[in-house]
N, C-alpha and C. Protein backbone atom coordinates (compact mmCIF):
# COMPACT_ATOMS: atom_id res chain seq x y z
N MET A 1 30.83 68.63 78.85
CA MET A 1 32.26 68.61 78.61
C MET A 1 32.98 68.63 79.96
N LEU A 2 34.04 68.04 80.18
CA LEU A 2 34.84 68.12 81.40
C LEU A 2 34.06 67.75 82.67
N GLY A 3 33.03 66.90 82.58
CA GLY A 3 32.34 66.41 83.75
C GLY A 3 31.24 67.29 84.31
N ILE A 4 31.03 68.48 83.78
CA ILE A 4 29.95 69.35 84.26
C ILE A 4 28.75 69.14 83.36
N SER A 5 27.62 68.78 83.97
CA SER A 5 26.44 68.56 83.15
C SER A 5 25.28 69.40 83.68
N ASP A 6 24.34 69.68 82.80
CA ASP A 6 23.16 70.44 83.19
C ASP A 6 22.27 69.59 84.07
N ILE A 7 21.53 70.27 84.93
CA ILE A 7 20.54 69.62 85.77
C ILE A 7 19.22 69.69 85.02
N HIS A 8 18.53 68.57 84.95
CA HIS A 8 17.26 68.53 84.25
C HIS A 8 16.12 68.31 85.23
N VAL A 9 14.99 68.95 84.94
CA VAL A 9 13.78 68.80 85.74
C VAL A 9 12.74 68.08 84.89
N GLU A 10 11.55 67.87 85.45
CA GLU A 10 10.53 67.09 84.74
C GLU A 10 9.92 67.81 83.53
N ASN A 11 10.09 69.13 83.43
CA ASN A 11 9.51 69.92 82.34
C ASN A 11 10.50 69.98 81.16
N GLU A 12 10.23 69.23 80.10
CA GLU A 12 11.15 69.18 78.95
C GLU A 12 11.29 70.52 78.25
N GLU A 13 10.21 71.30 78.18
CA GLU A 13 10.29 72.63 77.56
C GLU A 13 11.26 73.51 78.35
N PHE A 14 11.20 73.45 79.68
CA PHE A 14 12.13 74.20 80.54
C PHE A 14 13.57 73.73 80.29
N ASN A 15 13.77 72.42 80.21
CA ASN A 15 15.12 71.87 79.98
C ASN A 15 15.71 72.34 78.65
N ARG A 16 14.87 72.47 77.62
CA ARG A 16 15.36 72.96 76.32
C ARG A 16 15.70 74.43 76.38
N ARG A 17 14.97 75.21 77.16
CA ARG A 17 15.13 76.66 77.18
C ARG A 17 16.25 77.13 78.11
N TRP A 18 16.38 76.49 79.27
CA TRP A 18 17.30 76.98 80.29
C TRP A 18 18.42 75.98 80.56
N ARG A 19 19.60 76.49 80.85
CA ARG A 19 20.74 75.68 81.27
C ARG A 19 20.88 75.86 82.78
N VAL A 20 20.79 74.77 83.51
CA VAL A 20 20.84 74.82 84.97
C VAL A 20 22.06 74.04 85.44
N THR A 21 22.91 74.72 86.21
CA THR A 21 24.05 74.06 86.87
C THR A 21 24.00 74.47 88.34
N ALA A 22 24.56 73.64 89.20
CA ALA A 22 24.55 73.96 90.64
C ALA A 22 25.63 73.16 91.34
N ASP A 23 26.13 73.72 92.42
CA ASP A 23 27.06 72.98 93.27
C ASP A 23 26.33 71.87 94.01
N VAL A 24 25.06 72.14 94.36
CA VAL A 24 24.23 71.17 95.08
C VAL A 24 22.97 70.94 94.24
N GLU A 25 22.92 69.80 93.55
CA GLU A 25 21.81 69.52 92.65
C GLU A 25 20.46 69.49 93.37
N LYS A 26 20.42 68.96 94.60
CA LYS A 26 19.16 68.91 95.34
C LYS A 26 18.59 70.30 95.57
N PHE A 27 19.45 71.29 95.84
CA PHE A 27 19.00 72.67 96.04
C PHE A 27 18.34 73.18 94.77
N ALA A 28 18.98 72.97 93.63
CA ALA A 28 18.44 73.45 92.36
C ALA A 28 17.08 72.82 92.06
N VAL A 29 16.96 71.53 92.28
CA VAL A 29 15.71 70.83 91.99
C VAL A 29 14.60 71.33 92.92
N LEU A 30 14.91 71.55 94.20
CA LEU A 30 13.91 72.07 95.13
C LEU A 30 13.52 73.50 94.80
N LEU A 31 14.48 74.32 94.41
CA LEU A 31 14.20 75.71 94.06
C LEU A 31 13.34 75.81 92.81
N LEU A 32 13.62 74.97 91.83
CA LEU A 32 12.92 75.04 90.55
C LEU A 32 11.62 74.25 90.58
N SER A 33 10.70 74.73 91.40
CA SER A 33 9.38 74.10 91.51
C SER A 33 8.67 74.21 90.16
N PRO A 34 7.65 73.41 89.91
CA PRO A 34 6.89 73.55 88.66
C PRO A 34 6.37 74.97 88.43
N ALA A 35 5.95 75.65 89.49
CA ALA A 35 5.46 77.03 89.35
C ALA A 35 6.57 77.97 88.90
N LEU A 36 7.78 77.82 89.47
CA LEU A 36 8.90 78.68 89.07
C LEU A 36 9.35 78.35 87.65
N GLN A 37 9.33 77.07 87.27
CA GLN A 37 9.66 76.69 85.90
C GLN A 37 8.71 77.36 84.91
N ASP A 38 7.41 77.31 85.19
CA ASP A 38 6.42 77.95 84.32
C ASP A 38 6.65 79.45 84.23
N TRP A 39 6.97 80.07 85.37
CA TRP A 39 7.20 81.51 85.39
C TRP A 39 8.43 81.87 84.54
N LEU A 40 9.51 81.10 84.68
CA LEU A 40 10.72 81.38 83.90
C LEU A 40 10.53 81.11 82.41
N LEU A 41 9.63 80.20 82.06
CA LEU A 41 9.35 79.97 80.63
C LEU A 41 8.71 81.19 79.99
N GLY A 42 8.05 82.02 80.79
CA GLY A 42 7.44 83.24 80.27
C GLY A 42 8.39 84.42 80.21
N ALA A 43 9.61 84.25 80.71
CA ALA A 43 10.59 85.34 80.71
C ALA A 43 11.13 85.57 79.30
N PRO A 44 11.45 86.83 78.97
CA PRO A 44 12.05 87.11 77.66
C PRO A 44 13.34 86.32 77.46
N LYS A 45 13.63 85.97 76.23
CA LYS A 45 14.80 85.15 75.92
C LYS A 45 16.13 85.88 76.11
N ASN A 46 16.08 87.20 76.29
CA ASN A 46 17.32 87.95 76.47
C ASN A 46 17.67 88.11 77.96
N GLU A 47 17.05 87.31 78.83
CA GLU A 47 17.33 87.38 80.26
C GLU A 47 18.22 86.22 80.71
N THR A 48 19.02 86.50 81.73
CA THR A 48 19.84 85.49 82.39
C THR A 48 19.59 85.61 83.89
N TRP A 49 19.42 84.48 84.55
CA TRP A 49 19.21 84.46 86.00
C TRP A 49 20.32 83.65 86.64
N THR A 50 20.89 84.18 87.71
CA THR A 50 21.89 83.47 88.49
C THR A 50 21.47 83.54 89.95
N ILE A 51 21.41 82.39 90.60
CA ILE A 51 21.01 82.32 92.00
C ILE A 51 22.11 81.57 92.74
N GLY A 52 22.66 82.20 93.77
CA GLY A 52 23.70 81.54 94.54
C GLY A 52 24.36 82.48 95.52
N GLY A 53 24.95 81.91 96.52
CA GLY A 53 25.67 82.72 97.51
C GLY A 53 24.77 83.69 98.24
N GLY A 54 23.49 83.36 98.35
CA GLY A 54 22.55 84.25 99.03
C GLY A 54 22.05 85.41 98.17
N HIS A 55 22.31 85.37 96.87
CA HIS A 55 21.92 86.46 95.98
C HIS A 55 21.16 85.94 94.77
N VAL A 56 20.31 86.81 94.23
CA VAL A 56 19.66 86.56 92.95
C VAL A 56 20.12 87.66 92.02
N CYS A 57 20.65 87.28 90.87
CA CYS A 57 21.13 88.25 89.88
C CYS A 57 20.34 88.07 88.60
N TRP A 58 19.70 89.13 88.15
CA TRP A 58 18.91 89.12 86.92
C TRP A 58 19.58 90.07 85.94
N VAL A 59 19.87 89.57 84.74
CA VAL A 59 20.53 90.37 83.71
C VAL A 59 19.69 90.31 82.45
N ARG A 60 19.47 91.47 81.86
CA ARG A 60 18.73 91.55 80.59
C ARG A 60 19.63 92.23 79.58
N ARG A 61 19.86 91.55 78.46
CA ARG A 61 20.67 92.12 77.38
C ARG A 61 19.75 92.96 76.50
N SER A 62 20.05 94.25 76.42
CA SER A 62 19.27 95.14 75.53
C SER A 62 20.06 96.42 75.32
N ARG A 63 19.63 97.17 74.35
CA ARG A 63 20.27 98.46 74.07
C ARG A 63 19.73 99.51 75.03
N ILE A 64 20.62 100.40 75.40
CA ILE A 64 20.24 101.51 76.28
C ILE A 64 20.22 102.77 75.43
N LYS A 65 19.09 103.44 75.46
CA LYS A 65 18.98 104.69 74.70
C LYS A 65 19.52 105.85 75.54
N PRO A 66 20.24 106.78 74.88
CA PRO A 66 20.81 107.91 75.63
C PRO A 66 19.72 108.83 76.17
């Protein structure tokens, strides 16, 4: 929508599971090596990863017990 599209890699299973956007598409494609794609496919579905600005942010949605 509005000109922003997902970046796709050669692994179709990864493309179905993860939404990848980037300011620099070449950076995203280089970062998402086949080994990293396989590793992220094993991650729980309640996780979100954001990489940018020199930081890696990992978020997991779950309940916190008191």
